Amino acid sequence: MKLFKEWNVEAHYGPEIVKVMLEELVTRKNKLEKMEKAKLRWALFVMLCVAIFLLFGSRVLTSQQLSFNTNILAAIIGHPLILALMLLLSIGFFQLHFFVKKVKKAEKEFDELREEFIDRSSELWPNDTDWESREALYSFVKKEHDINLYHK
């Protein structure tokens, strides 16, 4: 990976599988962050739509002369802007639900690979003299990519 080459940590990799696993970890971490940002944007969109819907819906209902015999659902649906807000709100809820699922899946995949890397670290660096290399690589990954490989 380009970032690892720029920081000259190639000497600390050990076997080639370490490089492959680290590149996949960084890729999965970036995917997770991307999905979390999308989820946050859709959550903000839904909250904005709910606020506008409640504000505008209350104004429409108070501006109309409503009695006990009036059908509130017909009064709300009769206004085209409220219908558009309801459509946007439903799209927002579906997208939010979709991205919540995607975030859970991406987080699960990232954590599984990270835990596998931690479990296999004794296989990847079998010698006790390789602890310095492992520590240098772990601190680089923690500092640059915010991936904690020290413990599960």
Protein backbone atom coordinates (compact mmCIF):
# COMPACT_ATOMS: atom_id res chain seq x y z
CA MET A 1 0.00 0.00 0.00
CA LYS A 2 1.21 3.46 -0.84
CA LEU A 3 1.01 4.84 2.70
CA PHE A 4 3.06 2.03 4.16
CA LYS A 5 5.80 2.54 1.56
CA GLU A 6 5.98 6.26 2.24
CA TRP A 7 6.65 5.70 5.93
CA ASN A 8 9.31 3.03 5.35
CA VAL A 9 7.78 0.36 7.54
CA GLU A 10 8.46 -2.38 5.01
CA ALA A 11 11.32 -3.65 7.13
CA HIS A 12 8.87 -4.30 9.97
CA TYR A 13 6.36 -6.34 7.99
CA GLY A 14 7.87 -9.72 8.45
CA PRO A 15 6.11 -12.21 6.16
CA GLU A 16 4.25 -10.97 3.05
CA ILE A 17 0.89 -11.95 4.62
CA VAL A 18 1.33 -9.17 7.18
CA LYS A 19 1.37 -6.56 4.43
CA VAL A 20 -1.71 -8.08 2.79
CA MET A 21 -3.60 -8.23 6.08
CA LEU A 22 -2.66 -4.65 6.98
CA GLU A 23 -3.78 -3.36 3.60
CA GLU A 24 -7.09 -5.19 3.99
CA LEU A 25 -7.49 -3.82 7.52
CA VAL A 26 -6.97 -0.25 6.31
CA THR A 27 -9.39 -0.83 3.42
CA ARG A 28 -12.06 -2.18 5.76
CA LYS A 29 -11.51 0.66 8.22
CA ASN A 30 -11.97 3.22 5.43
CA LYS A 31 -15.12 1.42 4.27
CA LEU A 32 -16.49 1.45 7.82
CA GLU A 33 -15.80 5.18 8.22
CA LYS A 34 -17.44 5.89 4.86
CA MET A 35 -20.58 3.96 5.85
CA GLU A 36 -20.72 5.69 9.24
CA LYS A 37 -20.55 9.10 7.56
CA ALA A 38 -23.34 8.16 5.18
CA LYS A 39 -25.44 6.89 8.10
CA LEU A 40 -24.88 10.15 9.97
CA ARG A 41 -25.89 12.22 6.93
CA TRP A 42 -29.09 10.26 6.46
CA ALA A 43 -29.90 10.50 10.17
CA LEU A 44 -29.50 14.29 10.00
CA PHE A 45 -31.64 14.38 6.87
CA VAL A 46 -34.39 12.39 8.60
CA MET A 47 -34.29 14.65 11.66
CA LEU A 48 -34.52 17.74 9.47
CA CYS A 49 -37.47 16.26 7.57
CA VAL A 50 -39.23 15.37 10.82
CA ALA A 51 -38.71 18.90 12.16
CA ILE A 52 -40.01 20.50 8.97
CA PHE A 53 -42.88 18.04 8.83
CA LEU A 54 -43.93 18.76 12.41
CA LEU A 55 -43.55 22.51 12.02
CA PHE A 56 -45.29 22.75 8.69
CA GLY A 57 -47.92 20.15 9.61
CA SER A 58 -48.88 22.04 12.75
CA ARG A 59 -49.13 25.30 10.77
CA VAL A 60 -51.36 23.68 8.15
CA LEU A 61 -53.60 22.18 10.79
CA THR A 62 -53.89 25.43 12.77
CA SER A 63 -54.51 27.52 9.66
CA GLN A 64 -57.46 25.37 8.61
CA GLN A 65 -60.69 25.60 10.52
CA LEU A 66 -60.85 22.16 12.03
CA SER A 67 -63.71 20.82 14.05
CA PHE A 68 -64.25 17.51 15.75
CA ASN A 69 -65.86 16.13 12.61
CA THR A 70 -62.86 16.94 10.38
CA ASN A 71 -60.68 14.08 9.21
CA ILE A 72 -57.13 15.12 10.18
CA LEU A 73 -55.55 12.62 7.80
CA ALA A 74 -57.47 14.09 4.87
CA ALA A 75 -56.43 17.60 5.92
CA ILE A 76 -52.76 16.61 6.08
CA ILE A 77 -52.75 14.62 2.85
CA GLY A 78 -54.65 17.36 1.04
CA HIS A 79 -51.61 19.61 1.09
CA PRO A 80 -49.01 18.76 -1.61
CA LEU A 81 -45.99 20.00 0.36
CA ILE A 82 -46.82 17.73 3.27
CA LEU A 83 -47.11 14.81 0.87
CA ALA A 84 -43.65 15.62 -0.51
CA LEU A 85 -42.27 15.83 3.04
CA MET A 86 -43.83 12.46 3.87
CA LEU A 87 -42.23 10.96 0.76
CA LEU A 88 -38.82 12.42 1.66
CA LEU A 89 -39.23 11.21 5.22
CA SER A 90 -40.03 7.66 4.13
CA ILE A 91 -37.06 7.62 1.71
CA GLY A 92 -34.86 8.91 4.53
CA PHE A 93 -36.03 6.17 6.91
CA PHE A 94 -35.38 3.46 4.34
CA GLN A 95 -31.92 4.79 3.56
CA LEU A 96 -31.11 5.15 7.26
CA HIS A 97 -32.18 1.56 7.88
CA PHE A 98 -30.08 0.42 4.91
CA PHE A 99 -26.95 2.21 6.14
CA VAL A 100 -27.41 0.98 9.71
CA LYS A 101 -27.29 -2.57 8.34
CA LYS A 102 -24.25 -1.73 6.18
CA VAL A 103 -22.41 -0.20 9.16
CA LYS A 104 -23.05 -3.27 11.31
CA LYS A 105 -21.80 -5.55 8.56
CA ALA A 106 -18.70 -3.44 7.86
CA GLU A 107 -17.92 -3.21 11.58
CA LYS A 108 -18.28 -6.96 11.99
CA GLU A 109 -15.95 -7.65 9.02
CA PHE A 110 -13.37 -5.15 10.28
CA ASP A 111 -13.41 -6.51 13.84
CA GLU A 112 -13.13 -10.11 12.65
CA LEU A 113 -10.05 -9.36 10.58
CA ARG A 114 -8.49 -7.25 13.32
CA GLU A 115 -9.03 -10.01 15.90
CA GLU A 116 -7.65 -12.61 13.51
CA PHE A 117 -4.55 -10.46 13.01
CA ILE A 118 -4.12 -10.14 16.77
CA ASP A 119 -4.60 -13.89 17.28
CA ARG A 120 -2.12 -14.78 14.55
CA SER A 121 0.53 -12.27 15.59
CA SER A 122 2.56 -14.94 17.33
CA GLU A 123 2.57 -16.97 14.09
CA LEU A 124 3.49 -13.96 11.97
CA TRP A 125 6.43 -12.94 14.16
CA PRO A 126 7.69 -16.20 15.69
CA ASN A 127 11.00 -14.91 17.05
CA ASP A 128 11.32 -12.92 20.24
CA THR A 129 13.67 -10.54 18.46
CA ASP A 130 10.80 -9.53 16.15
CA TRP A 131 8.99 -7.77 19.00
CA GLU A 132 10.63 -4.48 18.07
CA SER A 133 9.41 -4.80 14.49
CA ARG A 134 5.93 -5.70 15.65
CA GLU A 135 5.84 -2.77 18.08
CA ALA A 136 6.99 -0.33 15.39
CA LEU A 137 4.34 -1.58 12.99
CA TYR A 138 1.58 -1.56 15.63
CA SER A 139 2.38 1.99 16.71
CA PHE A 140 2.45 3.16 13.08
CA VAL A 141 -0.94 1.60 12.35
CA LYS A 142 -2.38 3.04 15.57
CA LYS A 143 -1.02 6.52 14.90
CA GLU A 144 -1.72 6.78 11.18
CA HIS A 145 -4.89 4.73 10.71
CA ASP A 146 -6.36 4.57 14.24
CA ILE A 147 -6.44 0.77 14.24
CA ASN A 148 -5.61 -0.76 17.60
CA LEU A 149 -3.74 -4.03 17.19
CA TYR A 150 -2.49 -4.29 20.76
CA HIS A 151 -5.51 -6.09 22.19
CA LYS A 152 -8.96 -7.26 21.23
